[in-house]
Amino acid sequence: MNSPSPESPRKRTRRAPTGSFLYDRILPIVFIFLALVMIALVLIAAGVLLGIVRYR
């Protein structure tokens, strides 16, 4: 049985262009904002499950 030949290792290069405003500024802010929204939703859901937050 033939095993596939191992691929040559890629060089560690940055895929985003250097000095890109989108990748250096905008995306990290968006990811942090989305993480905060997710944490808030989890806390609200836990509050509803524990009876701290009234639902209906």
N, C-alpha and C. Protein backbone atom coordinates (compact mmCIF):
# COMPACT_ATOMS: atom_id res chain seq x y z
N MET A 1 0.85 -1.17 0.00
CA MET A 1 0.00 0.00 0.00
C MET A 1 0.89 1.24 0.00
N ASN A 2 0.60 2.13 -0.90
CA ASN A 2 1.41 3.35 -1.01
C ASN A 2 0.89 4.39 -0.03
N SER A 3 1.81 4.96 0.72
CA SER A 3 1.42 6.05 1.62
C SER A 3 1.71 7.38 0.93
N PRO A 4 0.88 8.36 1.19
CA PRO A 4 1.11 9.65 0.53
C PRO A 4 2.41 10.27 1.02
N SER A 5 3.09 10.92 0.09
CA SER A 5 4.36 11.54 0.46
C SER A 5 4.09 12.76 1.34
N PRO A 6 4.92 12.98 2.33
CA PRO A 6 4.69 14.13 3.20
C PRO A 6 4.90 15.43 2.45
N GLU A 7 4.02 16.39 2.73
CA GLU A 7 4.14 17.68 2.06
C GLU A 7 5.29 18.47 2.66
N SER A 8 5.88 19.31 1.86
CA SER A 8 6.96 20.13 2.37
C SER A 8 6.38 21.16 3.34
N PRO A 9 7.06 21.41 4.44
CA PRO A 9 6.52 22.37 5.42
C PRO A 9 6.49 23.78 4.83
N ARG A 10 5.42 24.48 5.10
CA ARG A 10 5.30 25.86 4.60
C ARG A 10 6.10 26.80 5.48
N LYS A 11 6.54 27.86 4.87
CA LYS A 11 7.22 28.89 5.64
C LYS A 11 6.19 29.64 6.48
N ARG A 12 6.60 30.06 7.64
CA ARG A 12 5.70 30.83 8.50
C ARG A 12 5.65 32.27 8.00
N THR A 13 4.62 32.55 7.22
CA THR A 13 4.47 33.90 6.70
C THR A 13 3.12 34.44 7.14
N ARG A 14 3.03 35.74 7.20
CA ARG A 14 1.77 36.38 7.56
C ARG A 14 0.89 36.44 6.33
N ARG A 15 -0.33 35.96 6.46
CA ARG A 15 -1.23 35.94 5.31
C ARG A 15 -1.86 37.30 5.05
N ALA A 16 -2.11 38.07 6.11
CA ALA A 16 -2.69 39.40 5.94
C ALA A 16 -1.61 40.36 5.48
N PRO A 17 -1.97 41.30 4.64
CA PRO A 17 -0.98 42.28 4.19
C PRO A 17 -0.46 43.12 5.37
N THR A 18 0.80 43.46 5.31
CA THR A 18 1.41 44.28 6.36
C THR A 18 0.78 45.67 6.37
N GLY A 19 0.45 46.13 7.56
CA GLY A 19 -0.13 47.46 7.68
C GLY A 19 -1.58 47.55 7.28
N SER A 20 -2.28 46.42 7.21
CA SER A 20 -3.67 46.43 6.81
C SER A 20 -4.54 46.94 7.96
N PHE A 21 -5.30 47.99 7.70
CA PHE A 21 -6.17 48.58 8.72
C PHE A 21 -7.26 47.60 9.13
N LEU A 22 -7.80 46.87 8.16
CA LEU A 22 -8.89 45.93 8.45
C LEU A 22 -8.43 44.83 9.41
N TYR A 23 -7.31 44.19 9.11
CA TYR A 23 -6.85 43.06 9.91
C TYR A 23 -6.18 43.50 11.21
N ASP A 24 -5.59 44.69 11.24
CA ASP A 24 -4.90 45.14 12.44
C ASP A 24 -5.81 45.85 13.42
N ARG A 25 -6.88 46.49 12.95
CA ARG A 25 -7.72 47.29 13.84
C ARG A 25 -9.16 46.80 13.90
N ILE A 26 -9.79 46.64 12.76
CA ILE A 26 -11.22 46.38 12.72
C ILE A 26 -11.57 44.97 13.22
N LEU A 27 -10.93 43.94 12.69
CA LEU A 27 -11.28 42.57 13.07
C LEU A 27 -11.06 42.27 14.55
N PRO A 28 -9.96 42.70 15.17
CA PRO A 28 -9.84 42.46 16.61
C PRO A 28 -10.95 43.14 17.42
N ILE A 29 -11.36 44.34 17.02
CA ILE A 29 -12.44 45.03 17.72
C ILE A 29 -13.75 44.26 17.54
N VAL A 30 -14.00 43.78 16.34
CA VAL A 30 -15.22 43.01 16.08
C VAL A 30 -15.22 41.72 16.89
N PHE A 31 -14.09 41.02 16.95
CA PHE A 31 -14.02 39.78 17.72
C PHE A 31 -14.23 40.02 19.21
N ILE A 32 -13.67 41.10 19.73
CA ILE A 32 -13.85 41.42 21.15
C ILE A 32 -15.32 41.76 21.41
N PHE A 33 -15.93 42.54 20.52
CA PHE A 33 -17.34 42.88 20.68
C PHE A 33 -18.22 41.63 20.65
N LEU A 34 -17.96 40.73 19.71
CA LEU A 34 -18.75 39.50 19.62
C LEU A 34 -18.56 38.62 20.86
N ALA A 35 -17.35 38.58 21.39
CA ALA A 35 -17.10 37.81 22.61
C ALA A 35 -17.87 38.39 23.79
N LEU A 36 -17.94 39.72 23.89
CA LEU A 36 -18.69 40.35 24.96
C LEU A 36 -20.19 40.08 24.82
N VAL A 37 -20.69 40.12 23.60
CA VAL A 37 -22.10 39.80 23.37
C VAL A 37 -22.39 38.36 23.76
N MET A 38 -21.51 37.45 23.40
CA MET A 38 -21.71 36.04 23.74
C MET A 38 -21.71 35.84 25.25
N ILE A 39 -20.79 36.49 25.96
CA ILE A 39 -20.73 36.38 27.40
C ILE A 39 -22.02 36.93 28.02
N ALA A 40 -22.51 38.05 27.51
CA ALA A 40 -23.76 38.62 28.02
C ALA A 40 -24.93 37.67 27.80
N LEU A 41 -25.00 37.05 26.63
CA LEU A 41 -26.08 36.11 26.35
C LEU A 41 -26.01 34.89 27.26
N VAL A 42 -24.82 34.39 27.50
CA VAL A 42 -24.66 33.24 28.39
C VAL A 42 -25.08 33.61 29.81
N LEU A 43 -24.68 34.79 30.27
CA LEU A 43 -25.07 35.22 31.62
C LEU A 43 -26.58 35.41 31.73
N ILE A 44 -27.21 35.97 30.72
CA ILE A 44 -28.67 36.14 30.75
C ILE A 44 -29.35 34.78 30.74
N ALA A 45 -28.87 33.86 29.92
CA ALA A 45 -29.45 32.51 29.89
C ALA A 45 -29.29 31.81 31.23
N ALA A 46 -28.12 31.95 31.85
CA ALA A 46 -27.90 31.34 33.17
C ALA A 46 -28.82 31.98 34.20
N GLY A 47 -29.02 33.29 34.11
CA GLY A 47 -29.92 33.96 35.03
C GLY A 47 -31.35 33.48 34.87
N VAL A 48 -31.79 33.25 33.64
CA VAL A 48 -33.13 32.73 33.41
C VAL A 48 -33.26 31.32 33.97
N LEU A 49 -32.26 30.49 33.73
CA LEU A 49 -32.30 29.11 34.24
C LEU A 49 -32.30 29.06 35.76
N LEU A 50 -31.58 29.96 36.39
CA LEU A 50 -31.49 29.96 37.85
C LEU A 50 -32.64 30.73 38.50
N GLY A 51 -33.49 31.36 37.72
CA GLY A 51 -34.62 32.08 38.26
C GLY A 51 -34.30 33.49 38.70
N ILE A 52 -33.12 33.98 38.40
CA ILE A 52 -32.74 35.35 38.78
C ILE A 52 -33.42 36.36 37.87
N VAL A 53 -33.50 36.04 36.58
CA VAL A 53 -34.13 36.90 35.60
C VAL A 53 -35.51 36.30 35.29
N ARG A 54 -36.55 37.14 35.47
CA ARG A 54 -37.90 36.63 35.19
C ARG A 54 -38.15 36.61 33.69
N TYR A 55 -38.67 35.51 33.21
CA TYR A 55 -39.03 35.37 31.80
C TYR A 55 -40.50 35.00 31.76
N ARG A 56 -41.32 35.89 31.26
CA ARG A 56 -42.78 35.77 31.18
C ARG A 56 -43.41 35.93 32.50
